[in-house]
Amino acid sequence: MGVSTYGLCVNCNSHQETRNHLFSNCSMAARLWNSILNLNGMNQNFSTWEGMVSRACLTWKGKSLLTTILKISWNAFIYYLWQERNQRIFQARFRDVVVILKDIIDTVGIRLRDKVINRLDNTNSNLSNAWGSALIKLVIPHAGSVMIKMVIPYGPKATLGWASGPNEPSGKTLWTPRSLWLP
């Protein structure tokens, strides 16, 4: 008793399954990764697994919001592609790219909860809008510096308003839905 896949990629059923194909050349992987890059405002295509890894190692440095999202989404991309492969082989369950992308977006959103954003600009605003229903928490301490946090709402819909934050005794906190805040 065993599972035979005849060596074909179960995600596209058209090419030999290799690491290079499964994570970079497969039509499902390409659509999924291009969707992730589009959410980040990027448009880069990689022809091989090695090219993807090399690009990640060379450019995804630092703690910017974009770099953080790329690292999290890369891991989620690999995880969900492998999960989809295994579900197709062992459970005969098939999901569309849109469903897998939603799982990746949800995973990134959860991992970004309470993430401190290092600056308020259009790039971070666009990333916040692209990656889901996150709220932006703007903390304005009396010292004049600004700290922004992404928070995923789990309760009732947040409303616009000022309140003293428990962790910000010397400042105030503005909670607002992402669509109402930032240019």
Protein backbone atom coordinates (compact mmCIF):
# COMPACT_ATOMS: atom_id res chain seq x y z
CA MET A 1 0.00 0.00 0.00
CA GLY A 2 1.38 3.36 -0.95
CA VAL A 3 0.67 6.58 -2.76
CA SER A 4 1.92 6.85 -6.31
CA THR A 5 2.23 10.26 -7.90
CA TYR A 6 4.14 9.07 -10.99
CA GLY A 7 6.66 11.81 -10.30
CA LEU A 8 4.37 14.56 -11.57
CA CYS A 9 3.77 17.72 -9.60
CA VAL A 10 0.34 17.26 -8.03
CA ASN A 11 -0.24 21.03 -7.95
CA CYS A 12 -0.14 21.44 -11.75
CA ASN A 13 -0.02 17.86 -13.11
CA SER A 14 2.23 18.89 -15.96
CA HIS A 15 5.89 18.69 -14.89
CA GLN A 16 8.20 16.45 -12.95
CA GLU A 17 8.07 17.29 -9.24
CA THR A 18 11.37 18.68 -8.02
CA ARG A 19 12.12 21.26 -5.37
CA ASN A 20 12.89 23.79 -8.08
CA HIS A 21 9.61 23.11 -9.85
CA LEU A 22 7.40 22.87 -6.77
CA PHE A 23 8.50 26.19 -5.23
CA SER A 24 9.39 28.31 -8.25
CA ASN A 25 8.40 26.93 -11.67
CA CYS A 26 5.02 25.35 -10.92
CA SER A 27 2.17 27.48 -12.28
CA MET A 28 0.48 27.41 -8.85
CA ALA A 29 3.66 28.53 -7.07
CA ALA A 30 4.30 31.27 -9.65
CA ARG A 31 0.74 32.63 -9.35
CA LEU A 32 0.90 32.52 -5.57
CA TRP A 33 4.33 34.16 -5.24
CA ASN A 34 3.48 36.84 -7.82
CA SER A 35 0.30 37.62 -5.83
CA ILE A 36 2.38 37.97 -2.67
CA LEU A 37 4.85 40.26 -4.43
CA ASN A 38 1.97 42.35 -5.83
CA LEU A 39 0.58 42.79 -2.31
CA ASN A 40 3.99 44.20 -1.40
CA GLY A 41 4.05 46.52 -4.41
CA MET A 42 6.79 44.47 -6.05
CA ASN A 43 7.06 42.78 -9.42
CA GLN A 44 9.99 40.38 -9.62
CA ASN A 45 10.13 36.98 -11.21
CA PHE A 46 12.64 34.31 -10.27
CA SER A 47 13.39 31.41 -12.54
CA THR A 48 14.84 29.01 -9.98
CA TRP A 49 14.65 28.12 -6.31
CA GLU A 50 18.30 29.09 -5.94
CA GLY A 51 17.55 32.50 -7.45
CA MET A 52 14.72 33.07 -4.98
CA VAL A 53 16.86 32.06 -2.00
CA SER A 54 19.81 34.13 -3.21
CA ARG A 55 17.63 37.22 -3.69
CA ALA A 56 16.10 36.78 -0.23
CA CYS A 57 19.50 36.43 1.43
CA LEU A 58 20.94 39.45 -0.34
CA THR A 59 18.07 41.89 0.00
CA TRP A 60 15.79 40.99 2.92
CA LYS A 61 17.86 42.58 5.67
CA GLY A 62 16.86 44.88 8.47
CA LYS A 63 13.65 45.32 10.37
CA SER A 64 11.51 47.36 8.01
CA LEU A 65 7.86 46.43 7.63
CA LEU A 66 8.46 45.31 4.03
CA THR A 67 11.35 43.05 5.02
CA THR A 68 9.36 41.58 7.89
CA ILE A 69 6.36 40.89 5.63
CA LEU A 70 8.58 39.33 2.96
CA LYS A 71 10.20 36.99 5.49
CA ILE A 72 6.89 35.94 7.03
CA SER A 73 5.13 35.55 3.68
CA TRP A 74 8.07 33.55 2.25
CA ASN A 75 7.81 31.06 5.10
CA ALA A 76 4.03 30.89 4.80
CA PHE A 77 4.34 30.46 1.01
CA ILE A 78 6.61 27.44 1.43
CA TYR A 79 4.51 25.98 4.25
CA TYR A 80 1.16 26.28 2.46
CA LEU A 81 2.51 25.03 -0.88
CA TRP A 82 3.90 21.94 0.83
CA GLN A 83 0.68 21.51 2.80
CA GLU A 84 -1.35 21.74 -0.42
CA ARG A 85 0.87 19.13 -2.05
CA ASN A 86 0.42 16.74 0.86
CA GLN A 87 -3.34 17.30 1.06
CA ARG A 88 -3.69 16.54 -2.64
CA ILE A 89 -1.63 13.36 -2.36
CA PHE A 90 -2.81 11.94 0.95
CA GLN A 91 -6.32 13.35 1.41
CA ALA A 92 -7.48 14.10 -2.14
CA ARG A 93 -8.31 17.65 -1.05
CA PHE A 94 -7.73 20.49 -3.50
CA ARG A 95 -7.66 24.23 -2.81
CA ASP A 96 -7.47 27.10 -5.25
CA VAL A 97 -4.64 29.65 -5.23
CA VAL A 98 -7.05 32.27 -3.88
CA VAL A 99 -7.78 30.15 -0.79
CA ILE A 100 -4.08 29.48 -0.18
CA LEU A 101 -3.30 33.19 -0.61
CA LYS A 102 -5.97 34.03 1.97
CA ASP A 103 -4.31 31.62 4.41
CA ILE A 104 -0.96 33.32 3.80
CA ILE A 105 -2.49 36.78 4.30
CA ASP A 106 -4.11 35.61 7.55
CA THR A 107 -0.81 34.14 8.75
CA VAL A 108 1.09 37.34 7.96
CA GLY A 109 -1.60 39.42 9.68
CA ILE A 110 -1.43 37.32 12.84
CA ARG A 111 2.37 37.47 12.93
CA LEU A 112 2.26 41.26 12.52
CA ARG A 113 0.00 41.75 15.52
CA ASP A 114 1.61 44.31 17.84
CA LYS A 115 4.49 44.76 15.38
CA VAL A 116 6.18 48.11 15.86
CA ILE A 117 6.47 49.96 12.58
CA ASN A 118 9.65 52.01 12.36
CA ARG A 119 8.17 54.91 10.36
CA LEU A 120 4.95 56.38 9.07
CA ASP A 121 5.11 56.73 5.28
CA ASN A 122 3.26 55.77 2.11
CA THR A 123 5.10 52.44 1.78
CA ASN A 124 4.03 51.29 5.23
CA SER A 125 0.54 52.64 4.67
CA ASN A 126 0.20 50.71 1.40
CA LEU A 127 1.56 47.54 3.02
CA SER A 128 -0.89 47.90 5.90
CA ASN A 129 -3.78 48.30 3.48
CA ALA A 130 -2.67 45.39 1.30
CA TRP A 131 -2.17 42.82 4.05
CA GLY A 132 -5.63 42.76 5.52
CA SER A 133 -7.85 44.21 8.16
CA ALA A 134 -5.12 45.40 10.48
CA LEU A 135 -5.62 48.45 12.61
CA ILE A 136 -2.94 51.06 13.02
CA LYS A 137 -2.24 52.04 16.59
CA LEU A 138 -0.61 55.43 16.76
CA VAL A 139 0.99 56.25 20.08
CA ILE A 140 2.01 59.85 20.64
CA PRO A 141 4.03 60.19 23.85
CA HIS A 142 4.52 63.65 25.36
CA ALA A 143 8.16 63.55 24.30
CA GLY A 144 7.06 64.05 20.69
CA SER A 145 8.26 60.78 19.16
CA VAL A 146 5.80 58.56 17.30
CA MET A 147 5.42 54.81 17.56
CA ILE A 148 2.99 52.91 15.34
CA LYS A 149 1.77 49.36 15.93
CA MET A 150 -0.26 47.05 13.71
CA VAL A 151 -2.99 45.30 15.62
CA ILE A 152 -5.40 42.67 14.32
CA PRO A 153 -8.91 43.29 15.66
CA TYR A 154 -10.62 40.25 17.17
CA GLY A 155 -13.49 41.93 18.97
CA PRO A 156 -16.18 44.40 17.95
CA LYS A 157 -15.34 46.89 15.24
CA ALA A 158 -13.01 49.57 16.50
CA THR A 159 -14.15 53.17 16.51
CA LEU A 160 -12.24 56.36 16.12
CA GLY A 161 -11.23 57.98 19.38
CA TRP A 162 -8.54 58.99 21.82
CA ALA A 163 -7.80 57.17 25.03
CA SER A 164 -4.94 56.93 27.45
CA GLY A 165 -3.18 53.65 26.84
CA PRO A 166 -2.28 51.36 29.74
CA ASN A 167 1.24 50.94 28.38
CA GLU A 168 1.58 54.58 27.45
CA PRO A 169 0.90 56.44 30.71
CA SER A 170 2.42 59.67 29.46
CA GLY A 171 0.74 59.64 26.06
CA LYS A 172 -2.49 59.05 24.22
CA THR A 173 -3.54 56.33 21.82
CA LEU A 174 -5.55 56.77 18.63
CA TRP A 175 -7.37 53.68 17.35
CA THR A 176 -8.74 53.85 13.85
CA PRO A 177 -9.57 51.39 11.06
CA ARG A 178 -6.76 51.28 8.50
CA SER A 179 -9.03 52.55 5.73
CA LEU A 180 -9.62 55.79 7.67
CA TRP A 181 -5.99 56.43 8.58
CA LEU A 182 -2.92 57.31 6.58
CA PRO A 183 -2.86 58.66 3.05
